[in-house]
N, C-alpha and C. Protein backbone atom coordinates (compact mmCIF):
# COMPACT_ATOMS: atom_id res chain seq x y z
N MET A 1 -72.95 12.13 43.52
CA MET A 1 -72.44 11.02 42.83
C MET A 1 -72.26 11.28 41.35
N ALA A 2 -73.13 12.06 40.83
CA ALA A 2 -73.02 12.39 39.43
C ALA A 2 -71.75 13.18 39.18
N ALA A 3 -71.42 14.02 40.15
CA ALA A 3 -70.19 14.80 40.01
C ALA A 3 -68.98 13.89 40.06
N GLU A 4 -69.09 12.87 40.86
CA GLU A 4 -67.96 11.93 40.96
C GLU A 4 -67.79 11.15 39.67
N VAL A 5 -68.86 10.80 39.01
CA VAL A 5 -68.79 10.02 37.78
C VAL A 5 -68.14 10.84 36.68
N GLU A 6 -68.51 12.14 36.65
CA GLU A 6 -67.94 12.99 35.63
C GLU A 6 -66.43 13.16 35.82
N THR A 7 -66.00 13.30 37.06
CA THR A 7 -64.58 13.46 37.29
C THR A 7 -63.82 12.18 37.00
N GLU A 8 -64.44 11.04 37.30
CA GLU A 8 -63.76 9.79 36.98
C GLU A 8 -63.66 9.62 35.47
N GLY A 9 -64.71 9.99 34.76
CA GLY A 9 -64.69 9.87 33.30
C GLY A 9 -63.65 10.81 32.69
N ALA A 10 -63.53 11.99 33.26
CA ALA A 10 -62.55 12.95 32.74
C ALA A 10 -61.14 12.46 33.00
N GLU A 11 -60.92 11.89 34.18
CA GLU A 11 -59.59 11.37 34.49
C GLU A 11 -59.27 10.15 33.63
N GLY A 12 -60.26 9.30 33.35
CA GLY A 12 -60.06 8.11 32.53
C GLY A 12 -59.79 8.49 31.07
N ALA A 13 -60.37 9.59 30.59
CA ALA A 13 -60.18 10.02 29.21
C ALA A 13 -58.80 10.64 29.01
N ALA A 14 -58.30 11.32 30.03
CA ALA A 14 -57.00 11.98 29.90
C ALA A 14 -55.88 10.97 29.65
N PRO A 15 -55.80 9.87 30.40
CA PRO A 15 -54.75 8.91 30.10
C PRO A 15 -54.93 8.27 28.73
N ALA A 16 -56.13 8.09 28.28
CA ALA A 16 -56.35 7.48 26.98
C ALA A 16 -55.86 8.41 25.87
N LYS A 17 -56.10 9.73 26.00
CA LYS A 17 -55.61 10.68 25.01
C LYS A 17 -54.09 10.72 25.02
N GLY A 18 -53.49 10.72 26.20
CA GLY A 18 -52.03 10.73 26.31
C GLY A 18 -51.42 9.45 25.75
N GLY A 19 -52.10 8.32 25.93
CA GLY A 19 -51.64 7.04 25.40
C GLY A 19 -51.69 7.02 23.88
N ARG A 20 -52.77 7.59 23.31
CA ARG A 20 -52.88 7.65 21.85
C ARG A 20 -51.84 8.59 21.26
N LYS A 21 -51.61 9.69 21.95
CA LYS A 21 -50.61 10.64 21.48
C LYS A 21 -49.22 10.00 21.48
N ARG A 22 -48.93 9.27 22.57
CA ARG A 22 -47.64 8.57 22.67
C ARG A 22 -47.53 7.50 21.57
N LEU A 23 -48.63 6.80 21.30
CA LEU A 23 -48.66 5.77 20.28
C LEU A 23 -48.40 6.37 18.90
N PHE A 24 -49.00 7.52 18.59
CA PHE A 24 -48.77 8.20 17.32
C PHE A 24 -47.31 8.65 17.19
N ILE A 25 -46.72 9.12 18.26
CA ILE A 25 -45.32 9.55 18.23
C ILE A 25 -44.40 8.35 17.96
N ILE A 26 -44.67 7.23 18.63
CA ILE A 26 -43.84 6.03 18.43
C ILE A 26 -43.99 5.51 17.01
N ILE A 27 -45.21 5.45 16.51
CA ILE A 27 -45.43 4.98 15.13
C ILE A 27 -44.77 5.93 14.13
N GLY A 28 -44.88 7.23 14.35
CA GLY A 28 -44.23 8.22 13.47
C GLY A 28 -42.72 8.08 13.47
N ALA A 29 -42.14 7.89 14.66
CA ALA A 29 -40.68 7.74 14.75
C ALA A 29 -40.23 6.45 14.06
N ALA A 30 -41.00 5.37 14.23
CA ALA A 30 -40.65 4.10 13.58
C ALA A 30 -40.76 4.24 12.07
N LEU A 31 -41.78 4.92 11.58
CA LEU A 31 -41.96 5.14 10.15
C LEU A 31 -40.80 5.96 9.58
N ILE A 32 -40.40 7.00 10.27
CA ILE A 32 -39.27 7.83 9.82
C ILE A 32 -37.98 7.00 9.80
N ALA A 33 -37.76 6.16 10.83
CA ALA A 33 -36.56 5.32 10.88
C ALA A 33 -36.54 4.34 9.71
N VAL A 34 -37.68 3.73 9.41
CA VAL A 34 -37.75 2.79 8.28
C VAL A 34 -37.48 3.50 6.96
N LEU A 35 -38.04 4.70 6.78
CA LEU A 35 -37.79 5.46 5.56
C LEU A 35 -36.31 5.86 5.43
N LEU A 36 -35.69 6.26 6.53
CA LEU A 36 -34.28 6.63 6.48
C LEU A 36 -33.40 5.42 6.13
N ILE A 37 -33.68 4.29 6.76
CA ILE A 37 -32.90 3.08 6.46
C ILE A 37 -33.10 2.66 5.01
N GLY A 38 -34.33 2.74 4.53
CA GLY A 38 -34.61 2.41 3.13
C GLY A 38 -33.89 3.35 2.18
N GLY A 39 -33.87 4.63 2.50
CA GLY A 39 -33.16 5.60 1.66
C GLY A 39 -31.67 5.34 1.61
N VAL A 40 -31.09 5.02 2.76
CA VAL A 40 -29.66 4.71 2.81
C VAL A 40 -29.36 3.48 1.98
N LEU A 41 -30.16 2.43 2.12
CA LEU A 41 -29.96 1.22 1.33
C LEU A 41 -30.13 1.49 -0.16
N TYR A 42 -31.08 2.30 -0.51
CA TYR A 42 -31.33 2.60 -1.91
C TYR A 42 -30.17 3.34 -2.56
N PHE A 43 -29.67 4.37 -1.91
CA PHE A 43 -28.65 5.20 -2.52
C PHE A 43 -27.23 4.69 -2.30
N VAL A 44 -26.93 4.20 -1.13
CA VAL A 44 -25.56 3.80 -0.82
C VAL A 44 -25.26 2.38 -1.28
N VAL A 45 -26.08 1.45 -0.91
CA VAL A 45 -25.82 0.06 -1.22
C VAL A 45 -26.20 -0.26 -2.65
N GLY A 46 -27.18 0.40 -3.20
CA GLY A 46 -27.55 0.20 -4.58
C GLY A 46 -28.61 -0.84 -4.79
N ILE A 47 -29.42 -1.09 -3.78
CA ILE A 47 -30.50 -2.07 -3.92
C ILE A 47 -31.47 -1.60 -5.00
N GLY A 48 -31.69 -0.32 -5.09
CA GLY A 48 -32.68 0.21 -6.02
C GLY A 48 -32.18 0.39 -7.44
N LYS A 49 -30.93 0.11 -7.72
CA LYS A 49 -30.40 0.30 -9.07
C LYS A 49 -30.88 -0.81 -9.98
N SER A 50 -31.28 -0.44 -11.16
CA SER A 50 -31.68 -1.45 -12.13
C SER A 50 -30.44 -1.96 -12.86
N LYS A 51 -30.63 -3.03 -13.60
CA LYS A 51 -29.49 -3.60 -14.34
C LYS A 51 -29.03 -2.64 -15.43
N ASP A 52 -29.97 -1.92 -16.05
CA ASP A 52 -29.60 -0.97 -17.09
C ASP A 52 -28.76 0.16 -16.53
N ALA A 53 -29.11 0.65 -15.34
CA ALA A 53 -28.33 1.72 -14.71
C ALA A 53 -26.94 1.22 -14.35
N ALA A 54 -26.85 -0.02 -13.88
CA ALA A 54 -25.54 -0.59 -13.55
C ALA A 54 -24.70 -0.77 -14.80
N ASN A 55 -25.31 -1.22 -15.89
CA ASN A 55 -24.57 -1.39 -17.15
C ASN A 55 -24.12 -0.05 -17.70
N THR A 56 -24.96 0.97 -17.58
CA THR A 56 -24.59 2.30 -18.05
C THR A 56 -23.42 2.85 -17.25
N ALA A 57 -23.46 2.64 -15.93
CA ALA A 57 -22.36 3.12 -15.09
C ALA A 57 -21.07 2.39 -15.41
N SER A 58 -21.13 1.09 -15.64
CA SER A 58 -19.91 0.37 -15.96
C SER A 58 -19.41 0.72 -17.35
N ALA A 59 -20.31 0.98 -18.28
CA ALA A 59 -19.89 1.36 -19.62
C ALA A 59 -19.23 2.73 -19.62
N SER A 60 -19.75 3.68 -18.84
CA SER A 60 -19.14 5.00 -18.79
C SER A 60 -17.79 4.93 -18.08
N GLY A 61 -17.65 4.05 -17.10
CA GLY A 61 -16.35 3.86 -16.44
C GLY A 61 -15.35 3.23 -17.38
N ALA A 62 -15.80 2.31 -18.21
CA ALA A 62 -14.92 1.67 -19.17
C ALA A 62 -14.51 2.65 -20.26
N ALA A 63 -15.40 3.57 -20.62
CA ALA A 63 -15.08 4.54 -21.64
C ALA A 63 -14.06 5.54 -21.14
N ALA A 64 -14.02 5.77 -19.83
CA ALA A 64 -13.08 6.74 -19.27
C ALA A 64 -11.66 6.19 -19.27
N VAL A 65 -11.51 4.87 -19.22
CA VAL A 65 -10.19 4.26 -19.21
C VAL A 65 -9.72 4.11 -20.66
N PRO A 66 -8.60 4.70 -21.02
CA PRO A 66 -8.13 4.61 -22.40
C PRO A 66 -7.65 3.19 -22.70
N ASP A 67 -7.91 2.76 -23.93
CA ASP A 67 -7.44 1.45 -24.36
C ASP A 67 -5.94 1.51 -24.59
N SER A 68 -5.29 0.39 -24.37
CA SER A 68 -3.86 0.31 -24.67
C SER A 68 -3.62 -0.97 -25.44
N PHE A 69 -2.53 -1.00 -26.15
CA PHE A 69 -2.18 -2.14 -26.96
C PHE A 69 -0.90 -2.76 -26.41
N ILE A 70 -0.80 -4.07 -26.51
CA ILE A 70 0.35 -4.80 -26.00
C ILE A 70 1.15 -5.31 -27.18
N PHE A 71 2.45 -5.03 -27.16
CA PHE A 71 3.37 -5.50 -28.19
C PHE A 71 4.34 -6.48 -27.53
N ASN A 72 4.26 -7.74 -27.92
CA ASN A 72 5.10 -8.79 -27.33
C ASN A 72 6.47 -8.84 -28.00
N LEU A 73 7.50 -8.86 -27.19
CA LEU A 73 8.87 -9.03 -27.68
C LEU A 73 9.25 -10.50 -27.58
N PRO A 74 10.21 -10.92 -28.39
CA PRO A 74 10.64 -12.32 -28.27
C PRO A 74 11.34 -12.56 -26.93
N GLU A 75 11.39 -13.81 -26.52
CA GLU A 75 12.04 -14.20 -25.27
C GLU A 75 13.55 -13.91 -25.37
N LEU A 76 14.09 -13.34 -24.32
CA LEU A 76 15.52 -13.02 -24.27
C LEU A 76 16.19 -13.92 -23.23
N THR A 77 17.32 -14.53 -23.60
CA THR A 77 18.13 -15.32 -22.67
C THR A 77 19.54 -14.75 -22.72
N VAL A 78 20.03 -14.33 -21.55
CA VAL A 78 21.36 -13.71 -21.50
C VAL A 78 22.17 -14.29 -20.35
N ASN A 79 23.51 -14.21 -20.50
CA ASN A 79 24.41 -14.53 -19.40
C ASN A 79 24.48 -13.30 -18.50
N LEU A 80 24.42 -13.52 -17.20
CA LEU A 80 24.59 -12.41 -16.27
C LEU A 80 26.06 -12.28 -15.90
N ASN A 81 26.45 -11.09 -15.47
CA ASN A 81 27.83 -10.80 -15.09
C ASN A 81 28.08 -11.34 -13.69
N THR A 82 28.89 -12.39 -13.60
CA THR A 82 29.21 -12.98 -12.29
C THR A 82 30.66 -12.73 -11.92
N GLY A 83 31.37 -12.01 -12.73
CA GLY A 83 32.77 -11.70 -12.42
C GLY A 83 33.68 -12.92 -12.59
N GLY A 84 33.39 -13.79 -13.53
CA GLY A 84 34.26 -14.94 -13.78
C GLY A 84 33.95 -16.14 -12.91
N GLN A 85 33.03 -16.02 -12.00
CA GLN A 85 32.67 -17.16 -11.16
C GLN A 85 31.73 -18.07 -11.95
N THR A 86 30.89 -18.80 -11.29
CA THR A 86 29.98 -19.71 -11.97
C THR A 86 29.08 -18.94 -12.94
N GLN A 87 28.61 -19.65 -13.96
CA GLN A 87 27.74 -19.00 -14.93
C GLN A 87 26.34 -18.85 -14.38
N SER A 88 25.71 -17.73 -14.73
CA SER A 88 24.35 -17.47 -14.32
C SER A 88 23.59 -16.93 -15.52
N PHE A 89 22.40 -17.43 -15.74
CA PHE A 89 21.59 -17.03 -16.89
C PHE A 89 20.32 -16.35 -16.43
N MET A 90 19.81 -15.53 -17.35
CA MET A 90 18.52 -14.89 -17.11
C MET A 90 17.67 -15.07 -18.35
N LYS A 91 16.47 -15.53 -18.15
CA LYS A 91 15.51 -15.67 -19.24
C LYS A 91 14.35 -14.73 -18.91
N VAL A 92 14.03 -13.84 -19.84
CA VAL A 92 12.98 -12.84 -19.59
C VAL A 92 12.12 -12.70 -20.84
N THR A 93 10.82 -12.62 -20.61
CA THR A 93 9.86 -12.35 -21.68
C THR A 93 9.15 -11.05 -21.32
N VAL A 94 9.21 -10.10 -22.25
CA VAL A 94 8.74 -8.75 -22.00
C VAL A 94 7.67 -8.38 -23.02
N ALA A 95 6.70 -7.60 -22.57
CA ALA A 95 5.69 -7.00 -23.45
C ALA A 95 5.73 -5.49 -23.25
N LEU A 96 5.48 -4.76 -24.31
CA LEU A 96 5.46 -3.30 -24.25
C LEU A 96 4.01 -2.83 -24.33
N GLU A 97 3.63 -1.92 -23.45
CA GLU A 97 2.29 -1.35 -23.49
C GLU A 97 2.37 0.01 -24.18
N VAL A 98 1.59 0.16 -25.26
CA VAL A 98 1.58 1.41 -26.02
C VAL A 98 0.16 1.97 -26.06
N ALA A 99 0.05 3.24 -26.35
CA ALA A 99 -1.23 3.93 -26.26
C ALA A 99 -2.19 3.59 -27.40
N ASP A 100 -1.68 3.44 -28.61
CA ASP A 100 -2.58 3.23 -29.74
C ASP A 100 -1.92 2.42 -30.84
N GLN A 101 -2.70 2.12 -31.86
CA GLN A 101 -2.23 1.30 -32.97
C GLN A 101 -1.14 2.02 -33.76
N ALA A 102 -1.24 3.32 -33.89
CA ALA A 102 -0.24 4.09 -34.64
C ALA A 102 1.14 3.99 -33.98
N THR A 103 1.16 4.05 -32.66
CA THR A 103 2.43 3.92 -31.94
C THR A 103 3.01 2.52 -32.14
N MET A 104 2.15 1.53 -32.19
CA MET A 104 2.62 0.17 -32.39
C MET A 104 3.27 0.01 -33.77
N THR A 105 2.69 0.64 -34.78
CA THR A 105 3.28 0.55 -36.13
C THR A 105 4.58 1.34 -36.22
N GLN A 106 4.73 2.39 -35.42
CA GLN A 106 5.99 3.14 -35.39
C GLN A 106 7.10 2.34 -34.72
N ILE A 107 6.74 1.52 -33.75
CA ILE A 107 7.74 0.76 -32.98
C ILE A 107 8.25 -0.45 -33.76
N GLN A 108 7.42 -1.09 -34.55
CA GLN A 108 7.78 -2.34 -35.22
C GLN A 108 9.10 -2.29 -36.00
N PRO A 109 9.37 -1.26 -36.79
CA PRO A 109 10.66 -1.26 -37.50
C PRO A 109 11.87 -1.08 -36.57
N ARG A 110 11.66 -0.64 -35.36
CA ARG A 110 12.77 -0.36 -34.44
C ARG A 110 12.96 -1.46 -33.39
N ILE A 111 12.32 -2.59 -33.56
CA ILE A 111 12.41 -3.67 -32.56
C ILE A 111 13.84 -4.18 -32.43
N ALA A 112 14.60 -4.21 -33.51
CA ALA A 112 16.00 -4.66 -33.43
C ALA A 112 16.80 -3.75 -32.51
N LYS A 113 16.56 -2.44 -32.56
CA LYS A 113 17.25 -1.51 -31.66
C LYS A 113 16.84 -1.74 -30.22
N VAL A 114 15.56 -2.04 -29.99
CA VAL A 114 15.07 -2.29 -28.63
C VAL A 114 15.72 -3.54 -28.06
N ILE A 115 15.75 -4.62 -28.82
CA ILE A 115 16.35 -5.87 -28.35
C ILE A 115 17.84 -5.69 -28.09
N ASP A 116 18.52 -4.94 -28.95
CA ASP A 116 19.95 -4.67 -28.74
C ASP A 116 20.17 -3.90 -27.45
N ALA A 117 19.36 -2.88 -27.21
CA ALA A 117 19.50 -2.09 -25.98
C ALA A 117 19.25 -2.96 -24.75
N PHE A 118 18.26 -3.85 -24.83
CA PHE A 118 17.98 -4.75 -23.72
C PHE A 118 19.12 -5.73 -23.49
N GLN A 119 19.64 -6.32 -24.56
CA GLN A 119 20.73 -7.31 -24.44
C GLN A 119 21.97 -6.69 -23.79
N VAL A 120 22.35 -5.50 -24.25
CA VAL A 120 23.55 -4.84 -23.71
C VAL A 120 23.37 -4.57 -22.21
N TYR A 121 22.21 -4.09 -21.82
CA TYR A 121 21.97 -3.79 -20.42
C TYR A 121 21.89 -5.05 -19.57
N LEU A 122 21.16 -6.04 -20.04
CA LEU A 122 20.95 -7.26 -19.25
C LEU A 122 22.24 -8.04 -19.04
N ARG A 123 23.16 -8.00 -20.00
CA ARG A 123 24.42 -8.73 -19.86
C ARG A 123 25.32 -8.15 -18.77
N GLU A 124 25.12 -6.91 -18.42
CA GLU A 124 25.94 -6.29 -17.38
C GLU A 124 25.33 -6.42 -15.98
N LEU A 125 24.15 -6.97 -15.89
CA LEU A 125 23.53 -7.15 -14.58
C LEU A 125 24.18 -8.29 -13.82
N ARG A 126 24.21 -8.14 -12.50
CA ARG A 126 24.67 -9.22 -11.62
C ARG A 126 23.43 -9.88 -11.01
N PRO A 127 23.52 -11.12 -10.61
CA PRO A 127 22.35 -11.75 -9.97
C PRO A 127 21.87 -10.98 -8.74
N SER A 128 22.76 -10.33 -8.03
CA SER A 128 22.37 -9.56 -6.85
C SER A 128 21.56 -8.31 -7.23
N ASP A 129 21.70 -7.82 -8.47
CA ASP A 129 20.93 -6.67 -8.93
C ASP A 129 19.45 -6.99 -9.08
N LEU A 130 19.13 -8.27 -9.18
CA LEU A 130 17.76 -8.70 -9.42
C LEU A 130 17.08 -9.24 -8.17
N GLN A 131 17.70 -9.04 -7.02
CA GLN A 131 17.15 -9.55 -5.76
C GLN A 131 15.94 -8.73 -5.33
N GLY A 132 14.87 -9.41 -4.99
CA GLY A 132 13.69 -8.76 -4.40
C GLY A 132 12.89 -7.93 -5.38
N SER A 133 11.82 -7.37 -4.86
CA SER A 133 10.93 -6.56 -5.70
C SER A 133 11.58 -5.23 -6.10
N ALA A 134 12.46 -4.71 -5.27
CA ALA A 134 13.14 -3.46 -5.61
C ALA A 134 14.05 -3.65 -6.82
N GLY A 135 14.71 -4.79 -6.90
CA GLY A 135 15.57 -5.08 -8.04
C GLY A 135 14.77 -5.21 -9.33
N ILE A 136 13.64 -5.86 -9.26
CA ILE A 136 12.78 -6.01 -10.44
C ILE A 136 12.19 -4.66 -10.85
N TYR A 137 11.84 -3.84 -9.88
CA TYR A 137 11.32 -2.51 -10.19
C TYR A 137 12.38 -1.66 -10.89
N ARG A 138 13.63 -1.71 -10.39
CA ARG A 138 14.71 -0.96 -11.06
C ARG A 138 14.93 -1.47 -12.47
N LEU A 139 14.87 -2.78 -12.65
CA LEU A 139 15.02 -3.38 -13.99
C LEU A 139 13.92 -2.87 -14.91
N LYS A 140 12.70 -2.85 -14.43
CA LYS A 140 11.57 -2.39 -15.23
C LYS A 140 11.74 -0.92 -15.63
N GLU A 141 12.14 -0.09 -14.70
CA GLU A 141 12.33 1.34 -14.99
C GLU A 141 13.47 1.57 -15.99
N GLU A 142 14.55 0.83 -15.84
CA GLU A 142 15.68 0.99 -16.76
C GLU A 142 15.32 0.50 -18.16
N LEU A 143 14.60 -0.61 -18.25
CA LEU A 143 14.19 -1.09 -19.57
C LEU A 143 13.22 -0.12 -20.23
N LEU A 144 12.33 0.48 -19.47
CA LEU A 144 11.41 1.48 -20.01
C LEU A 144 12.17 2.69 -20.53
N ARG A 145 13.17 3.14 -19.79
CA ARG A 145 13.98 4.27 -20.24
C ARG A 145 14.70 3.93 -21.55
N ARG A 146 15.28 2.74 -21.62
CA ARG A 146 16.03 2.34 -22.81
C ARG A 146 15.12 2.14 -24.02
N VAL A 147 13.95 1.57 -23.83
CA VAL A 147 13.05 1.37 -24.97
C VAL A 147 12.54 2.71 -25.49
N ASN A 148 12.27 3.66 -24.63
CA ASN A 148 11.80 4.97 -25.08
C ASN A 148 12.89 5.74 -25.83
N ILE A 149 14.14 5.53 -25.46
CA ILE A 149 15.25 6.13 -26.21
C ILE A 149 15.34 5.48 -27.59
N ALA A 150 15.18 4.17 -27.65
CA ALA A 150 15.33 3.43 -28.91
C ALA A 150 14.20 3.72 -29.90
N VAL A 151 13.00 3.98 -29.43
CA VAL A 151 11.86 4.17 -30.33
C VAL A 151 11.45 5.63 -30.46
N ALA A 152 12.21 6.56 -29.92
CA ALA A 152 11.86 7.98 -29.98
C ALA A 152 11.60 8.38 -31.42
N PRO A 153 10.62 9.17 -31.68
CA PRO A 153 9.74 10.00 -30.87
C PRO A 153 8.51 9.26 -30.31
N ALA A 154 8.30 8.00 -30.69
CA ALA A 154 7.18 7.23 -30.11
C ALA A 154 7.47 6.99 -28.63
N GLN A 155 6.44 6.74 -27.87
CA GLN A 155 6.58 6.52 -26.43
C GLN A 155 5.90 5.22 -26.03
N VAL A 156 6.59 4.44 -25.20
CA VAL A 156 6.02 3.24 -24.61
C VAL A 156 5.55 3.62 -23.21
N GLN A 157 4.33 3.21 -22.85
CA GLN A 157 3.77 3.57 -21.55
C GLN A 157 4.32 2.73 -20.42
N ALA A 158 4.49 1.43 -20.66
CA ALA A 158 4.93 0.55 -19.58
C ALA A 158 5.61 -0.69 -20.13
N ILE A 159 6.46 -1.26 -19.28
CA ILE A 159 7.09 -2.55 -19.54
C ILE A 159 6.34 -3.57 -18.71
N LEU A 160 5.93 -4.65 -19.33
CA LEU A 160 5.22 -5.71 -18.63
C LEU A 160 6.05 -6.98 -18.70
N PHE A 161 6.37 -7.55 -17.54
CA PHE A 161 7.12 -8.79 -17.50
C PHE A 161 6.15 -9.95 -17.59
N LYS A 162 6.36 -10.81 -18.56
CA LYS A 162 5.54 -12.02 -18.67
C LYS A 162 6.23 -13.19 -17.97
N GLU A 163 7.58 -13.17 -18.00
CA GLU A 163 8.33 -14.24 -17.37
C GLU A 163 9.73 -13.72 -17.03
N ILE A 164 10.20 -14.04 -15.83
CA ILE A 164 11.55 -13.73 -15.42
C ILE A 164 12.10 -14.98 -14.72
N LEU A 165 13.22 -15.45 -15.23
CA LEU A 165 13.85 -16.63 -14.63
C LEU A 165 15.34 -16.36 -14.53
N VAL A 166 15.89 -16.47 -13.32
CA VAL A 166 17.32 -16.29 -13.10
C VAL A 166 17.85 -17.61 -12.55
N GLN A 167 18.86 -18.16 -13.24
CA GLN A 167 19.49 -19.42 -12.80
C GLN A 167 20.95 -19.21 -12.53
C-alpha cells in the first residue's frame, strides 16, 4: 500500500507541474501581447507624446514650409467676347502669391502692366472658355504666365482667385 501511495502522489504531482508550466506560458504570452500593444499605441498612435514634443514637431513642420506673401489686385470687371450677341460680363478679384517681401516691392511699380495684361486677355475670352474647372484652371495658368512676363525678372508663385463672377 505504501508503494501505491507513492505512485499516486507522483502521478498527482505531475499534472500539477504541467498545469503550472502551462499557466506560466499563458501569463508570459499575455504579458508579451500587452507590451506589444502598448508599444504600438505609444509609437504609432502617439499616446505617449507629451505636449512639448507635439509642439516641437509642429514647429519644425511649420519652419519647413516657406512663408509666402499675398499681393491683392483691384477687382476687374470686363466685357466678355460674345461675338455681337448678348452682353456678358466677368467680375474677378485676384491675389498674387509671392515668395518674399522683396519680390512684393519689385512688383508694386509694375501693377499697371499686370492689370493691362489681364484686361487685354480677359476681354477676348468667351463665356464658354470659362466653363467648368478645366476652364478656370486654364485661366489661372494663362494669368500666371502673363503676370510673370509683366513683372520679369521677379516671379509670382501662384494666382489666387478670390472671386469669379460671369454674367
